[in-house]
Amino acid sequence: MTNLMTTATKPVRRAGTTREAILTAAERLFAEHGVFAVSNRQVSEAAGQGNNAAVGYHFGTKTDLVRAIEQKHRQPIEQLREQMVAELGDSADMRDWVACLVCPLTEHLAELGNPSWYARFAAQVMADPAYHNIVVKDALSSPSLVEVIGGINRCLPDLPRYVRAERNVMARNLLMHTCADRERALAAGASVPRPSWQAAASGLIDAIVGLWLAPVS
């Protein structure tokens, strides 16, 4: 009985290992070259799969693969954000809410170690018109992120609607591309302005708060 059960579980474990290898290879290639420039064949080869149809078999389309990578990282980030929001309560301090936006990402990147590719992957996807709206829509399905955005909005001065929309994009780009640049530098062994992801988070919070509260000319 034991031998039969062990044998039966092997294909499932192998499939899980293959999926993880594909996710890891795709994340790295997309981070380094962009989603559009990388084919499913290249992902399969980088994942050590002799079958070039492995990506399609395990994930479907490239869009499904991008979503799977994003979902893999969104879960731990979401857990961190939910915990921070629960501890925050009904704060009226802009910095508290911006910290809930920044720190879950930077803490997750710190947990990934060096090298990591997620920040660069996310920046590439956000810059790709074919995937940008998909990722943004999926992200806004997060209740805790919607709550953080609401908390930031409640702390804002009376800004014109177009300024709010404009600064929302600026803040998102500042967060993603600053993290991507730091991740890239760490992977290359280059110097970085701050010694840790925690310190980098503090600088990002300062900058994003300043961006939101800047006067409108």
N, C-alpha and C. Protein backbone atom coordinates (compact mmCIF):
# COMPACT_ATOMS: atom_id res chain seq x y z
N MET A 1 0.83 -1.20 0.00
CA MET A 1 0.00 0.00 0.00
C MET A 1 0.86 1.26 0.00
N THR A 2 1.88 1.24 0.85
CA THR A 2 2.77 2.41 0.93
C THR A 2 3.46 2.66 -0.39
N ASN A 3 3.95 1.56 -1.02
CA ASN A 3 4.64 1.72 -2.29
C ASN A 3 3.73 2.27 -3.36
N LEU A 4 2.46 1.79 -3.36
CA LEU A 4 1.49 2.28 -4.34
C LEU A 4 1.21 3.76 -4.14
N MET A 5 1.06 4.19 -2.89
CA MET A 5 0.79 5.60 -2.60
C MET A 5 1.97 6.47 -3.00
N THR A 6 3.18 5.99 -2.72
CA THR A 6 4.36 6.76 -3.07
C THR A 6 4.47 6.92 -4.58
N THR A 7 4.22 5.83 -5.28
CA THR A 7 4.29 5.88 -6.74
C THR A 7 3.23 6.83 -7.30
N ALA A 8 2.05 6.81 -6.70
CA ALA A 8 0.95 7.63 -7.19
C ALA A 8 1.22 9.11 -7.02
N THR A 9 1.98 9.48 -5.98
CA THR A 9 2.22 10.89 -5.72
C THR A 9 3.36 11.45 -6.55
N LYS A 10 4.18 10.59 -7.13
CA LYS A 10 5.34 11.08 -7.88
C LYS A 10 4.98 11.99 -9.05
N PRO A 11 3.99 11.64 -9.90
CA PRO A 11 3.64 12.55 -11.00
C PRO A 11 3.18 13.91 -10.52
N VAL A 12 2.43 13.94 -9.39
CA VAL A 12 1.96 15.22 -8.85
C VAL A 12 3.13 16.06 -8.40
N ARG A 13 4.07 15.44 -7.69
CA ARG A 13 5.24 16.18 -7.22
C ARG A 13 6.08 16.66 -8.39
N ARG A 14 6.21 15.81 -9.42
CA ARG A 14 7.00 16.19 -10.58
C ARG A 14 6.35 17.37 -11.30
N ALA A 15 5.01 17.32 -11.40
CA ALA A 15 4.31 18.43 -12.04
C ALA A 15 4.51 19.72 -11.27
N GLY A 16 4.46 19.61 -9.91
CA GLY A 16 4.67 20.80 -9.10
C GLY A 16 6.07 21.36 -9.27
N THR A 17 7.06 20.46 -9.33
CA THR A 17 8.44 20.90 -9.53
C THR A 17 8.62 21.56 -10.89
N THR A 18 7.98 21.01 -11.91
CA THR A 18 8.07 21.59 -13.26
C THR A 18 7.44 22.97 -13.29
N ARG A 19 6.27 23.11 -12.70
CA ARG A 19 5.60 24.41 -12.65
C ARG A 19 6.48 25.46 -11.96
N GLU A 20 7.09 25.06 -10.84
CA GLU A 20 7.94 26.00 -10.10
C GLU A 20 9.16 26.38 -10.91
N ALA A 21 9.74 25.42 -11.62
CA ALA A 21 10.91 25.71 -12.46
C ALA A 21 10.53 26.68 -13.58
N ILE A 22 9.36 26.49 -14.16
CA ILE A 22 8.89 27.39 -15.23
C ILE A 22 8.64 28.79 -14.68
N LEU A 23 7.98 28.87 -13.52
CA LEU A 23 7.72 30.18 -12.91
C LEU A 23 9.02 30.93 -12.62
N THR A 24 9.98 30.23 -12.05
CA THR A 24 11.26 30.86 -11.71
C THR A 24 12.00 31.33 -12.95
N ALA A 25 12.05 30.48 -13.98
CA ALA A 25 12.74 30.84 -15.22
C ALA A 25 12.05 32.00 -15.92
N ALA A 26 10.72 31.96 -15.98
CA ALA A 26 9.97 33.02 -16.64
C ALA A 26 10.14 34.35 -15.92
N GLU A 27 10.08 34.33 -14.60
CA GLU A 27 10.24 35.57 -13.83
C GLU A 27 11.61 36.21 -14.11
N ARG A 28 12.65 35.39 -14.12
CA ARG A 28 13.99 35.92 -14.37
C ARG A 28 14.12 36.47 -15.78
N LEU A 29 13.65 35.71 -16.77
CA LEU A 29 13.77 36.16 -18.17
C LEU A 29 12.93 37.40 -18.43
N PHE A 30 11.70 37.42 -17.91
CA PHE A 30 10.84 38.60 -18.09
C PHE A 30 11.46 39.82 -17.40
N ALA A 31 12.06 39.61 -16.23
CA ALA A 31 12.68 40.71 -15.49
C ALA A 31 13.86 41.29 -16.26
N GLU A 32 14.64 40.43 -16.88
CA GLU A 32 15.86 40.87 -17.54
C GLU A 32 15.64 41.38 -18.96
N HIS A 33 14.61 40.85 -19.65
CA HIS A 33 14.45 41.17 -21.07
C HIS A 33 13.09 41.76 -21.44
N GLY A 34 12.13 41.74 -20.52
CA GLY A 34 10.78 42.17 -20.84
C GLY A 34 9.93 41.01 -21.28
N VAL A 35 8.62 41.12 -21.09
CA VAL A 35 7.72 40.01 -21.39
C VAL A 35 7.64 39.77 -22.89
N PHE A 36 7.52 40.83 -23.67
CA PHE A 36 7.32 40.70 -25.10
C PHE A 36 8.49 39.99 -25.78
N ALA A 37 9.71 40.25 -25.29
CA ALA A 37 10.92 39.75 -25.96
C ALA A 37 11.20 38.28 -25.68
N VAL A 38 10.48 37.68 -24.74
CA VAL A 38 10.77 36.30 -24.31
C VAL A 38 9.66 35.38 -24.81
N SER A 39 10.04 34.30 -25.48
CA SER A 39 9.07 33.34 -26.00
C SER A 39 8.85 32.22 -25.00
N ASN A 40 7.73 31.51 -25.15
CA ASN A 40 7.47 30.35 -24.30
C ASN A 40 8.55 29.27 -24.50
N ARG A 41 9.07 29.16 -25.72
CA ARG A 41 10.15 28.21 -25.98
C ARG A 41 11.38 28.55 -25.13
N GLN A 42 11.73 29.83 -25.05
CA GLN A 42 12.90 30.24 -24.26
C GLN A 42 12.67 29.95 -22.77
N VAL A 43 11.45 30.17 -22.31
CA VAL A 43 11.13 29.88 -20.91
C VAL A 43 11.28 28.39 -20.65
N SER A 44 10.74 27.56 -21.53
CA SER A 44 10.82 26.11 -21.37
C SER A 44 12.28 25.65 -21.33
N GLU A 45 13.10 26.18 -22.24
CA GLU A 45 14.51 25.80 -22.27
C GLU A 45 15.23 26.23 -20.99
N ALA A 46 14.95 27.46 -20.53
CA ALA A 46 15.60 27.95 -19.31
C ALA A 46 15.16 27.16 -18.09
N ALA A 47 13.97 26.59 -18.14
CA ALA A 47 13.46 25.80 -17.03
C ALA A 47 13.92 24.35 -17.11
N GLY A 48 14.72 24.02 -18.15
CA GLY A 48 15.24 22.67 -18.29
C GLY A 48 14.23 21.68 -18.82
N GLN A 49 13.24 22.18 -19.56
CA GLN A 49 12.20 21.31 -20.10
C GLN A 49 12.49 20.99 -21.56
N GLY A 50 12.61 19.71 -21.88
CA GLY A 50 12.85 19.31 -23.25
C GLY A 50 11.65 19.56 -24.15
N ASN A 51 10.48 19.58 -23.55
CA ASN A 51 9.25 19.81 -24.32
C ASN A 51 8.99 21.31 -24.40
N ASN A 52 9.04 21.87 -25.61
CA ASN A 52 8.86 23.31 -25.76
C ASN A 52 7.42 23.76 -25.51
N ALA A 53 6.51 22.80 -25.41
CA ALA A 53 5.12 23.13 -25.12
C ALA A 53 4.82 23.10 -23.63
N ALA A 54 5.86 22.97 -22.80
CA ALA A 54 5.66 22.82 -21.36
C ALA A 54 4.94 24.02 -20.76
N VAL A 55 5.27 25.23 -21.21
CA VAL A 55 4.63 26.42 -20.66
C VAL A 55 3.14 26.40 -20.93
N GLY A 56 2.78 26.12 -22.17
CA GLY A 56 1.37 26.07 -22.53
C GLY A 56 0.63 24.97 -21.78
N TYR A 57 1.28 23.82 -21.60
CA TYR A 57 0.65 22.70 -20.91
C TYR A 57 0.36 23.05 -19.45
N HIS A 58 1.30 23.69 -18.77
CA HIS A 58 1.16 23.95 -17.34
C HIS A 58 0.44 25.26 -17.03
N PHE A 59 0.49 26.24 -17.94
CA PHE A 59 -0.06 27.55 -17.61
C PHE A 59 -1.06 28.09 -18.63
N GLY A 60 -1.01 27.63 -19.86
CA GLY A 60 -1.89 28.18 -20.89
C GLY A 60 -1.17 29.25 -21.69
N THR A 61 -1.69 30.45 -21.70
CA THR A 61 -1.11 31.55 -22.48
C THR A 61 -0.01 32.25 -21.69
N LYS A 62 0.71 33.13 -22.37
CA LYS A 62 1.73 33.93 -21.68
C LYS A 62 1.08 34.84 -20.64
N THR A 63 -0.11 35.34 -20.95
CA THR A 63 -0.83 36.16 -19.97
C THR A 63 -1.11 35.37 -18.70
N ASP A 64 -1.50 34.10 -18.86
CA ASP A 64 -1.75 33.25 -17.69
C ASP A 64 -0.46 33.05 -16.89
N LEU A 65 0.67 32.93 -17.59
CA LEU A 65 1.96 32.76 -16.93
C LEU A 65 2.32 34.01 -16.14
N VAL A 66 2.13 35.18 -16.75
CA VAL A 66 2.40 36.44 -16.06
C VAL A 66 1.54 36.55 -14.80
N ARG A 67 0.28 36.21 -14.93
CA ARG A 67 -0.63 36.25 -13.77
C ARG A 67 -0.19 35.29 -12.67
N ALA A 68 0.29 34.12 -13.07
CA ALA A 68 0.73 33.12 -12.09
C ALA A 68 1.94 33.62 -11.31
N ILE A 69 2.87 34.27 -12.00
CA ILE A 69 4.04 34.84 -11.31
C ILE A 69 3.60 35.93 -10.35
N GLU A 70 2.72 36.81 -10.82
CA GLU A 70 2.23 37.90 -9.98
C GLU A 70 1.49 37.36 -8.76
N GLN A 71 0.67 36.35 -8.97
CA GLN A 71 -0.09 35.76 -7.87
C GLN A 71 0.83 35.11 -6.84
N LYS A 72 1.88 34.48 -7.31
CA LYS A 72 2.85 33.83 -6.42
C LYS A 72 3.41 34.83 -5.41
N HIS A 73 3.68 36.04 -5.86
CA HIS A 73 4.25 37.06 -4.97
C HIS A 73 3.17 37.86 -4.26
N ARG A 74 2.00 38.00 -4.88
CA ARG A 74 0.96 38.83 -4.28
C ARG A 74 0.48 38.26 -2.95
N GLN A 75 0.43 36.95 -2.84
CA GLN A 75 -0.08 36.34 -1.62
C GLN A 75 0.71 36.73 -0.37
N PRO A 76 2.05 36.57 -0.36
CA PRO A 76 2.78 36.99 0.85
C PRO A 76 2.75 38.51 1.06
N ILE A 77 2.74 39.28 -0.03
CA ILE A 77 2.65 40.74 0.11
C ILE A 77 1.31 41.13 0.71
N GLU A 78 0.26 40.46 0.24
CA GLU A 78 -1.08 40.73 0.75
C GLU A 78 -1.17 40.40 2.25
N GLN A 79 -0.57 39.32 2.66
CA GLN A 79 -0.61 38.95 4.07
C GLN A 79 0.07 40.01 4.94
N LEU A 80 1.21 40.49 4.48
CA LEU A 80 1.91 41.55 5.22
C LEU A 80 1.07 42.82 5.29
N ARG A 81 0.44 43.17 4.16
CA ARG A 81 -0.37 44.39 4.13
C ARG A 81 -1.59 44.28 5.04
N GLU A 82 -2.24 43.14 5.01
CA GLU A 82 -3.41 42.93 5.87
C GLU A 82 -3.05 43.08 7.33
N GLN A 83 -1.89 42.55 7.70
CA GLN A 83 -1.44 42.66 9.09
C GLN A 83 -1.17 44.12 9.46
N MET A 84 -0.52 44.86 8.58
CA MET A 84 -0.22 46.27 8.86
C MET A 84 -1.50 47.09 8.96
N VAL A 85 -2.44 46.85 8.06
CA VAL A 85 -3.70 47.60 8.08
C VAL A 85 -4.48 47.31 9.36
N ALA A 86 -4.49 46.04 9.77
CA ALA A 86 -5.20 45.67 11.00
C ALA A 86 -4.60 46.36 12.21
N GLU A 87 -3.28 46.49 12.25
CA GLU A 87 -2.61 47.13 13.38
C GLU A 87 -2.76 48.65 13.34
N LEU A 88 -2.99 49.18 12.14
CA LEU A 88 -3.05 50.64 11.97
C LEU A 88 -4.33 51.24 12.51
N GLY A 89 -5.43 50.54 12.32
CA GLY A 89 -6.72 51.08 12.76
C GLY A 89 -7.17 52.24 11.89
N ASP A 90 -7.68 53.28 12.52
CA ASP A 90 -8.26 54.41 11.79
C ASP A 90 -7.32 55.61 11.84
N SER A 91 -6.08 55.42 11.43
CA SER A 91 -5.08 56.49 11.50
C SER A 91 -5.41 57.62 10.53
N ALA A 92 -5.07 58.83 10.95
CA ALA A 92 -5.23 60.01 10.09
C ALA A 92 -3.87 60.53 9.64
N ASP A 93 -2.84 59.70 9.79
CA ASP A 93 -1.47 60.08 9.44
C ASP A 93 -1.13 59.53 8.05
N MET A 94 -0.86 60.40 7.12
CA MET A 94 -0.53 60.00 5.75
C MET A 94 0.63 59.01 5.72
N ARG A 95 1.64 59.23 6.53
CA ARG A 95 2.82 58.38 6.52
C ARG A 95 2.47 56.93 6.89
N ASP A 96 1.53 56.76 7.81
CA ASP A 96 1.11 55.41 8.20
C ASP A 96 0.54 54.64 7.00
N TRP A 97 -0.30 55.31 6.24
CA TRP A 97 -0.95 54.65 5.11
C TRP A 97 0.04 54.39 3.96
N VAL A 98 0.94 55.33 3.75
CA VAL A 98 1.94 55.12 2.70
C VAL A 98 2.87 53.97 3.10
N ALA A 99 3.15 53.85 4.39
CA ALA A 99 3.97 52.71 4.85
C ALA A 99 3.28 51.38 4.53
N CYS A 100 1.95 51.35 4.61
CA CYS A 100 1.21 50.14 4.27
C CYS A 100 1.28 49.84 2.78
N LEU A 101 1.57 50.85 1.99
CA LEU A 101 1.74 50.66 0.56
C LEU A 101 3.15 50.15 0.25
N VAL A 102 4.15 50.71 0.93
CA VAL A 102 5.55 50.46 0.61
C VAL A 102 6.11 49.21 1.30
N CYS A 103 5.92 49.11 2.60
CA CYS A 103 6.64 48.10 3.38
C CYS A 103 6.31 46.65 3.04
N PRO A 104 5.06 46.31 2.72
CA PRO A 104 4.83 44.91 2.34
C PRO A 104 5.68 44.47 1.14
N LEU A 105 5.85 45.37 0.18
CA LEU A 105 6.69 45.04 -0.98
C LEU A 105 8.16 44.95 -0.60
N THR A 106 8.68 45.94 0.11
CA THR A 106 10.10 45.94 0.44
C THR A 106 10.45 44.80 1.41
N GLU A 107 9.55 44.46 2.33
CA GLU A 107 9.80 43.34 3.23
C GLU A 107 9.81 42.02 2.46
N HIS A 108 8.92 41.90 1.50
CA HIS A 108 8.89 40.69 0.68
C HIS A 108 10.19 40.58 -0.13
N LEU A 109 10.65 41.67 -0.69
CA LEU A 109 11.89 41.65 -1.46
C LEU A 109 13.08 41.29 -0.56
N ALA A 110 13.06 41.78 0.67
CA ALA A 110 14.12 41.42 1.61
C ALA A 110 14.09 39.93 1.91
N GLU A 111 12.89 39.36 2.05
CA GLU A 111 12.75 37.93 2.32
C GLU A 111 13.24 37.08 1.15
N LEU A 112 13.09 37.59 -0.07
CA LEU A 112 13.52 36.83 -1.25
C LEU A 112 15.04 36.68 -1.31
N GLY A 113 15.76 37.61 -0.69
CA GLY A 113 17.22 37.55 -0.73
C GLY A 113 17.77 38.10 -2.03
N ASN A 114 19.06 37.89 -2.23
CA ASN A 114 19.74 38.41 -3.41
C ASN A 114 20.48 37.27 -4.12
N PRO A 115 20.28 37.09 -5.43
CA PRO A 115 19.48 37.94 -6.31
C PRO A 115 17.99 37.59 -6.25
N SER A 116 17.18 38.59 -6.53
CA SER A 116 15.75 38.39 -6.74
C SER A 116 15.39 39.08 -8.05
N TRP A 117 14.21 38.77 -8.55
CA TRP A 117 13.81 39.33 -9.85
C TRP A 117 12.41 39.95 -9.83
N TYR A 118 11.70 39.82 -8.71
CA TYR A 118 10.30 40.22 -8.73
C TYR A 118 10.10 41.71 -9.00
N ALA A 119 10.89 42.57 -8.38
CA ALA A 119 10.70 44.02 -8.58
C ALA A 119 10.92 44.39 -10.04
N ARG A 120 11.96 43.79 -10.66
CA ARG A 120 12.23 44.07 -12.07
C ARG A 120 11.14 43.47 -12.96
N PHE A 121 10.66 42.30 -12.61
CA PHE A 121 9.55 41.69 -13.34
C PHE A 121 8.33 42.60 -13.30
N ALA A 122 7.97 43.08 -12.10
CA ALA A 122 6.79 43.92 -11.95
C ALA A 122 6.94 45.22 -12.73
N ALA A 123 8.14 45.80 -12.71
CA ALA A 123 8.37 47.04 -13.45
C ALA A 123 8.24 46.81 -14.95
N GLN A 124 8.73 45.69 -15.43
CA GLN A 124 8.62 45.36 -16.86
C GLN A 124 7.15 45.17 -17.25
N VAL A 125 6.42 44.47 -16.44
CA VAL A 125 5.01 44.21 -16.74
C VAL A 125 4.20 45.51 -16.72
N MET A 126 4.47 46.38 -15.74
CA MET A 126 3.74 47.64 -15.64
C MET A 126 4.03 48.55 -16.83
N ALA A 127 5.20 48.37 -17.43
CA ALA A 127 5.57 49.21 -18.58
C ALA A 127 5.12 48.62 -19.90
N ASP A 128 4.57 47.42 -19.88
CA ASP A 128 4.14 46.74 -21.11
C ASP A 128 2.64 46.97 -21.31
N PRO A 129 2.25 47.67 -22.37
CA PRO A 129 0.81 47.97 -22.56
C PRO A 129 -0.06 46.73 -22.69
N ALA A 130 0.52 45.61 -23.10
CA ALA A 130 -0.27 44.39 -23.25
C ALA A 130 -0.66 43.78 -21.90
N TYR A 131 0.08 44.10 -20.83
CA TYR A 131 -0.15 43.47 -19.54
C TYR A 131 -0.46 44.47 -18.43
N HIS A 132 -0.20 45.74 -18.66
CA HIS A 132 -0.35 46.76 -17.62
C HIS A 132 -1.75 46.73 -17.00
N ASN A 133 -2.78 46.85 -17.82
CA ASN A 133 -4.14 46.95 -17.30
C ASN A 133 -4.57 45.67 -16.58
N ILE A 134 -4.10 44.52 -17.07
CA ILE A 134 -4.44 43.25 -16.42
C ILE A 134 -3.91 43.22 -15.00
N VAL A 135 -2.64 43.60 -14.84
CA VAL A 135 -2.01 43.55 -13.52
C VAL A 135 -2.63 44.57 -12.58
N VAL A 136 -2.89 45.78 -13.08
CA VAL A 136 -3.51 46.81 -12.25
C VAL A 136 -4.89 46.36 -11.79
N LYS A 137 -5.67 45.80 -12.71
CA LYS A 137 -7.02 45.32 -12.36
C LYS A 137 -6.94 44.22 -11.32
N ASP A 138 -6.01 43.29 -11.48
CA ASP A 138 -5.86 42.21 -10.51
C ASP A 138 -5.44 42.75 -9.14
N ALA A 139 -4.53 43.72 -9.16
CA ALA A 139 -4.06 44.29 -7.89
C ALA A 139 -5.19 44.99 -7.13
N LEU A 140 -6.05 45.68 -7.87
CA LEU A 140 -7.14 46.41 -7.23
C LEU A 140 -8.25 45.49 -6.74
N SER A 141 -8.12 44.19 -6.99
CA SER A 141 -9.06 43.24 -6.41
C SER A 141 -8.69 42.92 -4.96
N SER A 142 -7.56 43.45 -4.51
CA SER A 142 -7.10 43.23 -3.13
C SER A 142 -7.84 44.17 -2.18
N PRO A 143 -8.63 43.64 -1.24
CA PRO A 143 -9.35 44.51 -0.30
C PRO A 143 -8.43 45.39 0.54
N SER A 144 -7.28 44.83 0.97
CA SER A 144 -6.39 45.62 1.81
C SER A 144 -5.75 46.76 1.03
N LEU A 145 -5.44 46.55 -0.25
CA LEU A 145 -4.88 47.63 -1.07
C LEU A 145 -5.91 48.72 -1.29
N VAL A 146 -7.15 48.33 -1.53
CA VAL A 146 -8.23 49.31 -1.69
C VAL A 146 -8.38 50.12 -0.40
N GLU A 147 -8.24 49.45 0.75
CA GLU A 147 -8.34 50.14 2.04
C GLU A 147 -7.19 51.12 2.22
N VAL A 148 -5.99 50.73 1.80
CA VAL A 148 -4.83 51.62 1.90
C VAL A 148 -5.02 52.85 1.01
N ILE A 149 -5.48 52.64 -0.20
CA ILE A 149 -5.72 53.76 -1.11
C ILE A 149 -6.77 54.70 -0.53
N GLY A 150 -7.80 54.12 0.08
CA GLY A 150 -8.81 54.95 0.74
C GLY A 150 -8.23 55.74 1.90
N GLY A 151 -7.35 55.10 2.69
CA GLY A 151 -6.72 55.80 3.81
C GLY A 151 -5.85 56.95 3.34
N ILE A 152 -5.10 56.75 2.26
CA ILE A 152 -4.30 57.83 1.69
C ILE A 152 -5.19 58.97 1.22
N ASN A 153 -6.27 58.64 0.52
CA ASN A 153 -7.18 59.67 0.01
C ASN A 153 -7.79 60.50 1.13
N ARG A 154 -8.08 59.85 2.26
CA ARG A 154 -8.66 60.59 3.39
C ARG A 154 -7.67 61.57 4.01
N CYS A 155 -6.39 61.32 3.84
CA CYS A 155 -5.37 62.19 4.43
C CYS A 155 -4.94 63.31 3.49
N LEU A 156 -5.40 63.28 2.26
CA LEU A 156 -4.96 64.26 1.28
C LEU A 156 -5.64 65.61 1.48
N PRO A 157 -4.93 66.68 1.15
CA PRO A 157 -5.60 67.99 1.09
C PRO A 157 -6.58 67.99 -0.09
N ASP A 158 -7.30 69.06 -0.23
CA ASP A 158 -8.29 69.17 -1.31
C ASP A 158 -7.57 69.37 -2.64
N LEU A 159 -7.39 68.28 -3.38
CA LEU A 159 -6.68 68.33 -4.66
C LEU A 159 -7.66 68.13 -5.81
N PRO A 160 -7.40 68.78 -6.94
CA PRO A 160 -8.23 68.50 -8.13
C PRO A 160 -8.16 67.03 -8.49
N ARG A 161 -9.23 66.54 -9.07
CA ARG A 161 -9.30 65.12 -9.41
C ARG A 161 -8.17 64.69 -10.33
N TYR A 162 -7.82 65.54 -11.30
CA TYR A 162 -6.76 65.15 -12.24
C TYR A 162 -5.41 65.08 -11.55
N VAL A 163 -5.21 65.91 -10.51
CA VAL A 163 -3.95 65.87 -9.77
C VAL A 163 -3.86 64.58 -8.96
N ARG A 164 -4.97 64.18 -8.36
CA ARG A 164 -4.99 62.91 -7.62
C ARG A 164 -4.65 61.74 -8.55
N ALA A 165 -5.27 61.73 -9.72
CA ALA A 165 -5.02 60.65 -10.67
C ALA A 165 -3.56 60.66 -11.13
N GLU A 166 -3.04 61.84 -11.39
CA GLU A 166 -1.67 61.99 -11.85
C GLU A 166 -0.67 61.52 -10.78
N ARG A 167 -0.90 61.92 -9.54
CA ARG A 167 0.03 61.57 -8.46
C ARG A 167 -0.09 60.10 -8.07
N ASN A 168 -1.25 59.52 -8.27
CA ASN A 168 -1.39 58.09 -8.03
C ASN A 168 -0.47 57.30 -8.96
N VAL A 169 -0.43 57.69 -10.24
CA VAL A 169 0.46 57.04 -11.20
C VAL A 169 1.92 57.30 -10.83
N MET A 170 2.23 58.55 -10.46
CA MET A 170 3.60 58.89 -10.09
C MET A 170 4.06 58.07 -8.88
N ALA A 171 3.20 57.95 -7.87
CA ALA A 171 3.57 57.20 -6.67
C ALA A 171 3.80 55.73 -6.98
N ARG A 172 2.94 55.16 -7.81
CA ARG A 172 3.09 53.75 -8.19
C ARG A 172 4.39 53.53 -8.95
N ASN A 173 4.68 54.42 -9.89
CA ASN A 173 5.92 54.28 -10.66
C ASN A 173 7.16 54.49 -9.79
N LEU A 174 7.08 55.47 -8.89
CA LEU A 174 8.20 55.72 -7.98
C LEU A 174 8.50 54.48 -7.14
N LEU A 175 7.45 53.86 -6.62
CA LEU A 175 7.63 52.67 -5.79
C LEU A 175 8.22 51.51 -6.59
N MET A 176 7.59 51.19 -7.73
CA MET A 176 8.02 50.02 -8.48
C MET A 176 9.40 50.18 -9.10
N HIS A 177 9.66 51.33 -9.69
CA HIS A 177 10.92 51.48 -10.41
C HIS A 177 12.10 51.72 -9.46
N THR A 178 11.85 52.35 -8.32
CA THR A 178 12.92 52.50 -7.33
C THR A 178 13.32 51.13 -6.78
N CYS A 179 12.32 50.30 -6.49
CA CYS A 179 12.62 48.94 -6.01
C CYS A 179 13.33 48.12 -7.09
N ALA A 180 12.89 48.27 -8.34
CA ALA A 180 13.53 47.54 -9.44
C ALA A 180 14.98 47.97 -9.61
N ASP A 181 15.26 49.26 -9.52
CA ASP A 181 16.62 49.76 -9.66
C ASP A 181 17.51 49.24 -8.53
N ARG A 182 16.97 49.22 -7.31
CA ARG A 182 17.75 48.71 -6.18
C ARG A 182 18.01 47.22 -6.33
N GLU A 183 16.99 46.47 -6.73
CA GLU A 183 17.14 45.04 -6.93
C GLU A 183 18.19 44.75 -7.99
N ARG A 184 18.15 45.51 -9.08
CA ARG A 184 19.11 45.33 -10.17
C ARG A 184 20.54 45.61 -9.68
N ALA A 185 20.70 46.66 -8.92
CA ALA A 185 22.03 47.02 -8.41
C ALA A 185 22.55 45.95 -7.45
N LEU A 186 21.68 45.47 -6.57
CA LEU A 186 22.10 44.43 -5.63
C LEU A 186 22.53 43.16 -6.36
N ALA A 187 21.77 42.78 -7.40
CA ALA A 187 22.11 41.58 -8.15
C ALA A 187 23.45 41.72 -8.87
N ALA A 188 23.78 42.95 -9.26
CA ALA A 188 25.04 43.20 -9.97
C ALA A 188 26.20 43.46 -9.03
N GLY A 189 25.93 43.51 -7.73
CA GLY A 189 26.99 43.81 -6.76
C GLY A 189 27.39 45.27 -6.74
N ALA A 190 26.53 46.14 -7.25
CA ALA A 190 26.83 47.57 -7.29
C ALA A 190 26.42 48.23 -5.98
N SER A 191 26.91 49.44 -5.76
CA SER A 191 26.57 50.16 -4.54
C SER A 191 25.13 50.67 -4.61
N VAL A 192 24.49 50.76 -3.46
CA VAL A 192 23.13 51.28 -3.35
C VAL A 192 23.11 52.37 -2.29
N PRO A 193 22.16 53.33 -2.42
CA PRO A 193 22.17 54.48 -1.50
C PRO A 193 21.92 54.12 -0.04
N ARG A 194 21.12 53.07 0.20
CA ARG A 194 20.77 52.73 1.58
C ARG A 194 21.15 51.28 1.87
N PRO A 195 21.49 50.95 3.13
CA PRO A 195 22.10 49.66 3.43
C PRO A 195 21.15 48.48 3.46
N SER A 196 19.84 48.72 3.55
CA SER A 196 18.90 47.61 3.69
C SER A 196 17.58 47.98 3.02
N TRP A 197 16.76 46.95 2.78
CA TRP A 197 15.43 47.21 2.23
C TRP A 197 14.58 48.01 3.22
N GLN A 198 14.79 47.81 4.51
CA GLN A 198 14.05 48.57 5.51
C GLN A 198 14.39 50.06 5.41
N ALA A 199 15.68 50.37 5.24
CA ALA A 199 16.09 51.76 5.09
C ALA A 199 15.58 52.33 3.77
N ALA A 200 15.60 51.51 2.72
CA ALA A 200 15.08 51.96 1.43
C ALA A 200 13.59 52.28 1.54
N ALA A 201 12.86 51.48 2.33
CA ALA A 201 11.43 51.72 2.53
C ALA A 201 11.20 53.08 3.18
N SER A 202 12.03 53.41 4.14
CA SER A 202 11.88 54.71 4.81
C SER A 202 12.06 55.86 3.83
N GLY A 203 13.06 55.75 2.96
CA GLY A 203 13.28 56.78 1.96
C GLY A 203 12.13 56.87 0.97
N LEU A 204 11.59 55.73 0.58
CA LEU A 204 10.45 55.72 -0.33
C LEU A 204 9.21 56.34 0.31
N ILE A 205 8.98 56.05 1.57
CA ILE A 205 7.82 56.62 2.27
C ILE A 205 7.96 58.14 2.31
N ASP A 206 9.16 58.63 2.65
CA ASP A 206 9.38 60.08 2.66
C ASP A 206 9.05 60.69 1.31
N ALA A 207 9.55 60.07 0.24
CA ALA A 207 9.38 60.62 -1.10
C ALA A 207 7.92 60.60 -1.54
N ILE A 208 7.22 59.50 -1.27
CA ILE A 208 5.83 59.38 -1.71
C ILE A 208 4.92 60.31 -0.91
N VAL A 209 5.17 60.44 0.38
CA VAL A 209 4.40 61.41 1.18
C VAL A 209 4.63 62.82 0.65
N GLY A 210 5.89 63.14 0.38
CA GLY A 210 6.20 64.46 -0.17
C GLY A 210 5.53 64.69 -1.52
N LEU A 211 5.49 63.65 -2.34
CA LEU A 211 4.84 63.77 -3.65
C LEU A 211 3.34 64.07 -3.49
N TRP A 212 2.70 63.31 -2.61
CA TRP A 212 1.26 63.50 -2.43
C TRP A 212 0.92 64.86 -1.85
N LEU A 213 1.76 65.36 -0.95
CA LEU A 213 1.46 66.61 -0.25
C LEU A 213 2.09 67.84 -0.91
N ALA A 214 2.74 67.66 -2.03
CA ALA A 214 3.37 68.80 -2.72
C ALA A 214 2.31 69.81 -3.16
N PRO A 215 2.64 71.10 -3.13
CA PRO A 215 1.68 72.12 -3.59
C PRO A 215 1.38 71.97 -5.07
N VAL A 216 0.22 72.43 -5.47
CA VAL A 216 -0.19 72.39 -6.88
C VAL A 216 -0.01 73.79 -7.45
N SER A 217 0.78 73.88 -8.52
CA SER A 217 1.03 75.20 -9.12
C SER A 217 0.05 75.46 -10.26
